[in-house]
Amino acid sequence: MKVAIVHDYLREFGGAERVVGALHKIFPQAVIYTAFVDWEALGELGRKTFEGAEVRTTYLQKFPFIKKLFSPLRLISAKAFAKLDLSEFDVVISSSNAYFAKAVKVREGAVHLCYCHTPPRNLYGYETTDIIIKNPLYHKLGQIANFWLRQSDWEMAQEVGVFMANSGTTQKRIKKYYQREAQIVYPPVSLPEIKLKQKREDWFLYVNRLHLAKHPELAVEACLENGWRLKVAGSGPMLNDLKEMTKNHKNGELIEFLGVTSDEELADLYSRAKLLLYPVVNEDFGMIPIEAMSLGTPVVAHASGGPLETITEGKTGVFFKELTAKALAEAVKKAQKKKWSQEILREEAKKYSFSAFEKKITKLVEKNVKK
């Protein structure tokens, strides 16, 4: 059985790329296809994950300035994926979000399973990591393009053989926007095993890319106003703005920006932090809260999206409803009054192991190959 894995693009190492790495671990002989690769932007961990894998790209790789113009090239990315010759493969697993990897064509008799991280957020009104377009003309052109892309996205979705959703939230979106059923397959979440600290240190942790949709400013503001220490792990276009927030504030020295961290460093941070602050709205799934739980750290999260499935109020975390620094701060105060069990937190995180992911994926592949 010959397997191909098709992913939107490889230019950062986030949750979707970790899933692709896990798929390749299950099918080590599989060829990985992607729109384009930026090995430098992938970072050390990303390069290490795909080391030794055969990675093939579409013709978009040859475009001048692809690293900067990849977003506008969404308009033709589906055609680039459709032109890939996958006739040698019995099973094609597409890993798709906003760049339409699900547009691939498979030969008659082959199986196409799409692991959908979410229908494209920018097409259906969800917050994205893109910078807000302020120019009225560009904004209007973007709306016209998105209208056309929604029609195209629907057509692509009807060609997929089997949909897999990374959460119940994504499963509902697939049903709503594509009128297709999807099997939930939670992504694998794992970090290096380390010995947990019995006593936590007196600071909170924020882990994520520093983008608009992740709302790091709420975590920073809440901690500044309440005099709480916060360590921020991650990088992104909002870094300078966040630093500016702390610059002249009386509690500015309490906020520490760590930049990009390795998995080993991240595990150590989780094991020492008192709480993880996760103010992300309408998250598709959210690996970061699971990472925190796996190392005994409770989570304060916005009451929306994937965390509603993975976090239990009062058992593994606390929710807040209003997307404001004040509401986040109130939830933090509530969480600090509770005594948390590291054992319970770690046990809950085991539901999202690599072995559970591997079992579901292989079962779905075998079932559909037999059909």
Protein backbone atom coordinates (compact mmCIF):
# COMPACT_ATOMS: atom_id res chain seq x y z
CA MET A 1 0.00 0.00 0.00
CA LYS A 2 1.56 3.29 -1.14
CA VAL A 3 0.68 6.35 0.92
CA ALA A 4 1.04 10.07 0.19
CA ILE A 5 0.63 12.85 2.75
CA VAL A 6 -0.38 16.26 1.37
CA HIS A 7 -0.10 19.37 3.55
CA ASP A 8 -0.96 23.02 2.81
CA TYR A 9 2.58 24.39 3.16
CA LEU A 10 5.63 24.08 5.38
CA ARG A 11 6.69 27.53 6.55
CA GLU A 12 6.13 27.35 10.31
CA PHE A 13 6.02 24.59 12.88
CA GLY A 14 2.66 24.70 14.60
CA GLY A 15 0.00 22.18 15.55
CA ALA A 16 -0.86 21.25 11.95
CA GLU A 17 2.78 20.50 11.15
CA ARG A 18 3.05 18.34 14.27
CA VAL A 19 0.11 16.32 12.93
CA VAL A 20 1.89 15.88 9.59
CA GLY A 21 4.99 14.73 11.48
CA ALA A 22 2.87 12.20 13.39
CA LEU A 23 1.27 10.94 10.15
CA HIS A 24 4.72 10.43 8.67
CA LYS A 25 5.74 8.54 11.80
CA ILE A 26 2.80 6.17 11.24
CA PHE A 27 3.60 5.87 7.51
CA PRO A 28 7.40 6.39 7.35
CA GLN A 29 7.62 5.46 3.65
CA ALA A 30 5.00 8.04 2.66
CA VAL A 31 5.94 10.90 0.35
CA ILE A 32 5.02 14.36 1.69
CA TYR A 33 3.60 16.81 -0.85
CA THR A 34 3.14 20.48 -0.04
CA ALA A 35 2.58 23.79 -1.85
CA PHE A 36 6.03 25.09 -0.89
CA VAL A 37 8.69 24.74 1.80
CA ASP A 38 10.57 27.42 3.71
CA TRP A 39 13.12 25.35 5.64
CA GLU A 40 14.54 28.36 7.45
CA ALA A 41 11.14 29.54 8.72
CA LEU A 42 10.27 26.00 9.85
CA GLY A 43 12.86 26.30 12.59
CA GLU A 44 15.13 23.69 14.10
CA LEU A 45 12.33 21.49 15.46
CA GLY A 46 10.47 21.55 12.13
CA ARG A 47 13.58 20.65 10.15
CA LYS A 48 14.33 17.83 12.58
CA THR A 49 10.76 16.48 12.32
CA PHE A 50 10.90 16.18 8.52
CA GLU A 51 14.54 15.13 8.32
CA GLY A 52 14.84 12.09 6.06
CA ALA A 53 11.32 12.47 4.63
CA GLU A 54 10.86 12.78 0.87
CA VAL A 55 9.21 16.17 0.42
CA ARG A 56 7.86 17.22 -2.99
CA THR A 57 6.44 20.66 -3.77
CA THR A 58 4.00 22.17 -6.28
CA TYR A 59 4.98 24.66 -8.96
CA LEU A 60 4.31 27.45 -6.41
CA GLN A 61 7.77 26.73 -4.98
CA LYS A 62 9.24 28.31 -8.13
CA PHE A 63 7.36 31.60 -7.75
CA PRO A 64 9.64 34.57 -6.98
CA PHE A 65 9.05 35.91 -3.47
CA ILE A 66 6.81 32.95 -2.56
CA LYS A 67 7.86 33.36 1.08
CA LYS A 68 6.25 36.80 1.17
CA LEU A 69 3.44 36.42 -1.39
CA PHE A 70 2.10 33.03 -0.28
CA SER A 71 -1.13 34.52 1.11
CA PRO A 72 -2.36 36.14 -2.17
CA LEU A 73 -1.35 32.95 -3.99
CA ARG A 74 -4.17 31.15 -2.17
CA LEU A 75 -6.16 32.10 -5.25
CA ILE A 76 -4.30 29.52 -7.32
CA SER A 77 -3.14 27.09 -4.62
CA ALA A 78 -6.05 24.69 -5.23
CA LYS A 79 -5.07 24.43 -8.91
CA ALA A 80 -1.48 23.75 -7.91
CA PHE A 81 -2.57 20.86 -5.67
CA ALA A 82 -4.97 19.53 -8.32
CA LYS A 83 -2.09 19.30 -10.81
CA LEU A 84 -0.04 16.96 -8.59
CA ASP A 85 0.32 13.49 -10.09
CA LEU A 86 -0.69 11.11 -7.30
CA SER A 87 -1.60 8.18 -9.56
CA GLU A 88 1.01 5.90 -7.94
CA PHE A 89 -0.63 6.08 -4.51
CA ASP A 90 -3.32 3.87 -3.01
CA VAL A 91 -4.01 6.17 -0.07
CA VAL A 92 -3.76 9.97 0.01
CA ILE A 93 -4.11 11.79 3.34
CA SER A 94 -4.49 15.53 2.96
CA SER A 95 -3.84 17.84 5.91
CA SER A 96 -5.79 20.96 5.11
CA ASN A 97 -6.73 24.34 6.49
CA ALA A 98 -6.53 27.55 4.47
CA TYR A 99 -4.35 26.55 1.51
CA PHE A 100 -6.66 23.93 0.02
CA ALA A 101 -4.49 20.79 0.08
CA LYS A 102 -7.78 18.87 -0.06
CA ALA A 103 -8.03 19.86 -3.75
CA VAL A 104 -5.73 16.98 -4.76
CA LYS A 105 -6.96 14.46 -7.31
CA VAL A 106 -6.55 10.73 -6.70
CA ARG A 107 -6.78 7.89 -9.19
CA GLU A 108 -9.88 5.74 -9.47
CA GLY A 109 -9.87 3.12 -6.73
CA ALA A 110 -7.59 5.12 -4.44
CA VAL A 111 -8.69 6.53 -1.08
CA HIS A 112 -8.58 10.24 -0.17
CA LEU A 113 -8.89 11.00 3.52
CA CYS A 114 -8.76 14.67 4.56
CA TYR A 115 -7.57 15.57 8.05
CA CYS A 116 -9.29 18.94 8.36
CA HIS A 117 -7.82 21.30 10.96
CA THR A 118 -10.72 23.65 10.18
CA PRO A 119 -12.50 24.99 7.11
CA PRO A 120 -10.55 28.16 6.18
CA ARG A 121 -11.14 30.62 9.00
CA ASN A 122 -10.83 33.68 6.77
CA LEU A 123 -13.63 32.45 4.50
CA TYR A 124 -16.22 31.83 7.21
CA GLY A 125 -15.89 34.79 9.57
CA TYR A 126 -13.48 33.48 12.20
CA GLU A 127 -10.51 35.47 13.50
CA THR A 128 -7.27 34.79 11.67
CA THR A 129 -3.60 35.54 12.23
CA ASP A 130 -3.54 37.90 9.23
CA ILE A 131 -3.02 41.61 9.75
CA ILE A 132 -6.25 43.57 9.30
CA ILE A 133 -6.43 45.12 5.83
CA LYS A 134 -6.98 48.87 6.35
CA ASN A 135 -6.86 49.94 2.70
CA PRO A 136 -10.56 50.06 1.55
CA LEU A 137 -9.71 48.94 -2.00
CA TYR A 138 -7.65 45.93 -0.86
CA HIS A 139 -10.33 45.08 1.69
CA LYS A 140 -13.03 45.08 -1.03
CA LEU A 141 -10.87 42.98 -3.36
CA GLY A 142 -10.31 40.55 -0.51
CA GLN A 143 -14.06 40.20 0.05
CA ILE A 144 -14.61 39.48 -3.66
CA ALA A 145 -11.81 36.90 -3.65
CA ASN A 146 -13.22 35.22 -0.54
CA PHE A 147 -16.68 34.98 -2.10
CA TRP A 148 -15.19 33.13 -5.06
CA LEU A 149 -13.00 30.97 -2.82
CA ARG A 150 -16.00 29.89 -0.71
CA GLN A 151 -17.67 28.47 -3.84
CA SER A 152 -14.45 26.73 -4.79
CA ASP A 153 -13.95 25.44 -1.25
CA TRP A 154 -17.40 23.83 -1.28
CA GLU A 155 -16.65 22.04 -4.57
CA MET A 156 -13.31 20.74 -3.28
CA ALA A 157 -14.95 19.41 -0.13
CA GLN A 158 -17.42 17.34 -2.15
CA GLU A 159 -14.53 15.49 -3.84
CA VAL A 160 -12.98 14.31 -0.56
CA GLY A 161 -13.57 10.64 0.18
CA VAL A 162 -13.53 10.74 3.99
CA PHE A 163 -13.29 13.71 6.33
CA MET A 164 -11.48 13.57 9.66
CA ALA A 165 -11.93 16.48 12.09
CA ASN A 166 -9.45 17.44 14.77
CA SER A 167 -12.27 18.28 17.22
CA GLY A 168 -16.02 18.39 17.68
CA THR A 169 -15.83 22.12 16.92
CA THR A 170 -14.28 21.42 13.51
CA GLN A 171 -16.68 18.53 12.94
CA LYS A 172 -19.62 20.95 13.31
CA ARG A 173 -18.00 23.43 10.93
CA ILE A 174 -17.50 20.70 8.30
CA LYS A 175 -21.17 19.80 8.60
CA LYS A 176 -22.28 23.44 8.47
CA TYR A 177 -20.15 24.65 5.56
CA TYR A 178 -19.63 21.45 3.52
CA GLN A 179 -22.69 19.38 4.45
CA ARG A 180 -20.34 16.46 5.08
CA GLU A 181 -19.99 14.08 8.02
CA ALA A 182 -16.58 13.78 9.68
CA GLN A 183 -14.94 11.37 12.09
CA ILE A 184 -13.27 13.05 15.08
CA VAL A 185 -9.59 12.14 15.38
CA TYR A 186 -7.90 14.19 18.08
CA PRO A 187 -4.34 15.20 17.19
CA PRO A 188 -1.46 13.72 19.21
CA VAL A 189 0.02 15.93 21.91
CA SER A 190 3.30 15.11 23.58
CA LEU A 191 6.26 16.80 25.22
CA PRO A 192 9.42 15.38 26.83
CA GLU A 193 8.75 13.57 30.10
CA ILE A 194 10.16 15.41 33.10
CA LYS A 195 9.76 15.16 36.85
CA LEU A 196 7.02 17.48 38.09
CA LYS A 197 7.63 20.09 40.75
CA GLN A 198 5.60 19.64 43.92
CA LYS A 199 5.51 23.38 44.50
CA ARG A 200 4.79 25.72 41.64
CA GLU A 201 6.60 29.03 41.16
CA ASP A 202 4.75 32.31 41.48
CA TRP A 203 4.23 33.22 37.81
CA PHE A 204 1.88 32.50 34.92
CA LEU A 205 2.68 31.34 31.41
CA TYR A 206 1.45 32.35 27.96
CA VAL A 207 2.46 30.06 25.06
CA ASN A 208 1.48 30.74 21.45
CA ARG A 209 2.30 32.62 18.29
CA LEU A 210 2.00 36.34 18.90
CA HIS A 211 -0.77 37.00 16.40
CA LEU A 212 -4.04 38.94 16.56
CA ALA A 213 -6.25 35.84 16.77
CA LYS A 214 -4.32 34.49 19.77
CA HIS A 215 -4.93 37.62 21.90
CA PRO A 216 -1.64 37.72 23.82
CA GLU A 217 -2.42 41.36 24.67
CA LEU A 218 -5.16 40.20 27.05
CA ALA A 219 -2.75 38.04 29.04
CA VAL A 220 -0.18 40.85 29.20
CA GLU A 221 -2.74 43.48 30.17
CA ALA A 222 -4.33 41.32 32.87
CA CYS A 223 -0.95 40.64 34.47
CA LEU A 224 0.20 44.26 34.23
CA GLU A 225 -2.95 45.58 35.90
CA ASN A 226 -2.86 42.99 38.71
CA GLY A 227 0.87 42.88 39.37
CA TRP A 228 1.31 39.26 38.30
CA ARG A 229 4.49 37.85 36.82
CA LEU A 230 4.06 36.46 33.29
CA LYS A 231 6.43 34.59 31.01
CA VAL A 232 5.54 34.83 27.29
CA ALA A 233 6.86 32.00 25.10
CA GLY A 234 6.47 32.58 21.36
CA SER A 235 7.16 35.03 18.58
CA GLY A 236 5.18 36.90 15.97
CA PRO A 237 4.23 40.31 14.56
CA MET A 238 2.71 41.53 17.84
CA LEU A 239 5.95 41.22 19.84
CA ASN A 240 6.97 44.88 19.53
CA ASP A 241 3.46 46.10 20.42
CA LEU A 242 3.42 43.87 23.50
CA LYS A 243 6.82 45.14 24.60
CA GLU A 244 5.55 48.69 24.12
CA MET A 245 2.63 47.89 26.47
CA THR A 246 5.09 47.02 29.23
CA LYS A 247 7.64 49.75 28.52
CA ASN A 248 6.29 52.57 30.71
CA HIS A 249 3.98 50.56 32.96
CA LYS A 250 4.77 50.41 36.67
CA ASN A 251 4.61 46.58 36.52
CA GLY A 252 6.38 46.27 33.17
CA GLU A 253 9.34 44.37 34.65
CA LEU A 254 6.99 41.54 35.64
CA ILE A 255 6.48 40.56 31.98
CA GLU A 256 9.26 38.43 30.45
CA PHE A 257 9.42 37.67 26.71
CA LEU A 258 11.22 34.37 26.05
CA GLY A 259 10.92 34.11 22.26
CA VAL A 260 10.78 30.71 20.57
CA THR A 261 11.47 27.82 22.96
CA SER A 262 12.43 24.19 22.34
CA ASP A 263 10.14 21.38 23.47
CA GLU A 264 12.52 20.66 26.34
CA GLU A 265 12.45 24.28 27.48
CA LEU A 266 8.68 24.40 27.07
CA ALA A 267 8.19 21.28 29.19
CA ASP A 268 10.29 22.84 31.93
CA LEU A 269 8.23 26.05 31.80
CA TYR A 270 4.95 24.15 32.04
CA SER A 271 6.25 22.13 35.00
CA ARG A 272 7.04 25.30 36.98
CA ALA A 273 4.19 27.65 36.02
CA LYS A 274 1.25 28.21 38.33
CA LEU A 275 -1.25 28.60 35.47
CA LEU A 276 -1.39 28.68 31.66
CA LEU A 277 -3.29 31.69 30.27
CA TYR A 278 -5.04 30.83 27.01
CA PRO A 279 -7.20 33.75 25.74
CA VAL A 280 -7.73 32.35 22.22
CA VAL A 281 -11.22 32.74 20.77
CA ASN A 282 -12.95 30.01 18.71
CA GLU A 283 -9.86 27.78 18.69
CA ASP A 284 -10.13 24.86 16.26
CA PHE A 285 -8.68 22.38 18.77
CA GLY A 286 -5.81 23.81 20.82
CA MET A 287 -2.78 21.63 21.56
CA ILE A 288 -1.22 24.06 24.03
CA PRO A 289 -3.75 23.51 26.86
CA ILE A 290 -3.21 19.74 26.51
CA GLU A 291 0.56 20.24 26.71
CA ALA A 292 0.09 22.22 29.92
CA MET A 293 -2.22 19.59 31.41
CA SER A 294 0.24 16.82 30.54
CA LEU A 295 2.73 18.53 32.84
CA GLY A 296 0.26 19.17 35.63
CA THR A 297 -0.56 22.81 34.82
CA PRO A 298 -4.19 24.02 35.00
CA VAL A 299 -5.49 26.30 32.24
CA VAL A 300 -7.45 29.55 32.20
CA ALA A 301 -9.12 29.59 28.77
CA HIS A 302 -11.74 31.48 26.80
CA ALA A 303 -15.04 29.59 26.77
CA SER A 304 -15.15 28.84 23.04
CA GLY A 305 -13.94 26.31 20.48
CA GLY A 306 -11.81 23.26 21.16
CA PRO A 307 -10.94 23.99 24.83
CA LEU A 308 -14.61 23.47 25.72
CA GLU A 309 -14.06 19.80 24.76
CA THR A 310 -10.65 19.28 26.31
CA ILE A 311 -10.85 21.30 29.56
CA THR A 312 -13.23 20.48 32.41
CA GLU A 313 -14.25 23.45 34.56
CA GLY A 314 -12.85 23.13 38.06
CA LYS A 315 -11.04 19.89 37.24
CA THR A 316 -8.42 20.89 34.69
CA GLY A 317 -9.08 24.59 34.28
CA VAL A 318 -11.30 27.66 34.53
CA PHE A 319 -13.18 29.42 31.70
CA PHE A 320 -13.97 33.09 31.10
CA LYS A 321 -16.65 34.29 28.67
CA GLU A 322 -16.04 37.96 27.82
CA LEU A 323 -12.97 38.45 25.65
CA THR A 324 -11.48 41.11 27.91
CA ALA A 325 -8.46 41.40 30.19
CA LYS A 326 -10.82 42.03 33.13
CA ALA A 327 -12.74 38.78 32.54
CA LEU A 328 -9.47 36.88 32.15
CA ALA A 329 -8.17 38.36 35.42
CA GLU A 330 -11.32 37.33 37.28
CA ALA A 331 -10.90 33.75 36.05
CA VAL A 332 -7.24 33.79 37.13
CA LYS A 333 -8.28 34.87 40.64
CA LYS A 334 -10.80 32.05 40.74
CA ALA A 335 -8.19 29.51 39.58
CA GLN A 336 -5.72 30.64 42.23
CA LYS A 337 -8.19 29.81 45.01
CA LYS A 338 -8.48 26.19 43.91
CA LYS A 339 -6.19 23.31 44.81
CA TRP A 340 -5.30 21.45 41.62
CA SER A 341 -4.31 17.79 41.27
CA GLN A 342 -1.32 17.28 38.96
CA GLU A 343 -2.22 13.58 38.69
CA ILE A 344 -5.74 14.33 37.45
CA LEU A 345 -4.44 16.89 34.99
CA ARG A 346 -1.90 14.45 33.54
CA GLU A 347 -4.49 11.66 33.34
CA GLU A 348 -6.86 13.86 31.32
CA ALA A 349 -4.07 14.71 28.87
CA LYS A 350 -3.44 11.02 28.11
CA LYS A 351 -6.58 10.95 25.95
CA TYR A 352 -4.59 12.84 23.32
CA SER A 353 -1.60 10.53 23.02
CA PHE A 354 0.23 9.50 19.85
CA SER A 355 -0.88 5.88 20.35
CA ALA A 356 -4.57 6.92 20.43
CA PHE A 357 -4.04 8.99 17.26
CA GLU A 358 -2.20 6.16 15.50
CA LYS A 359 -4.91 3.64 16.38
CA LYS A 360 -7.70 5.81 14.96
CA ILE A 361 -5.82 6.78 11.80
CA THR A 362 -4.78 3.22 10.91
CA LYS A 363 -8.27 1.92 11.62
CA LEU A 364 -9.83 4.53 9.31
CA VAL A 365 -7.31 3.86 6.55
CA GLU A 366 -7.77 0.08 6.72
CA LYS A 367 -11.56 0.38 6.81
CA ASN A 368 -11.70 2.59 3.72
CA VAL A 369 -9.10 0.63 1.77
CA LYS A 370 -11.21 -2.48 2.28
CA LYS A 371 -14.26 -0.65 0.95
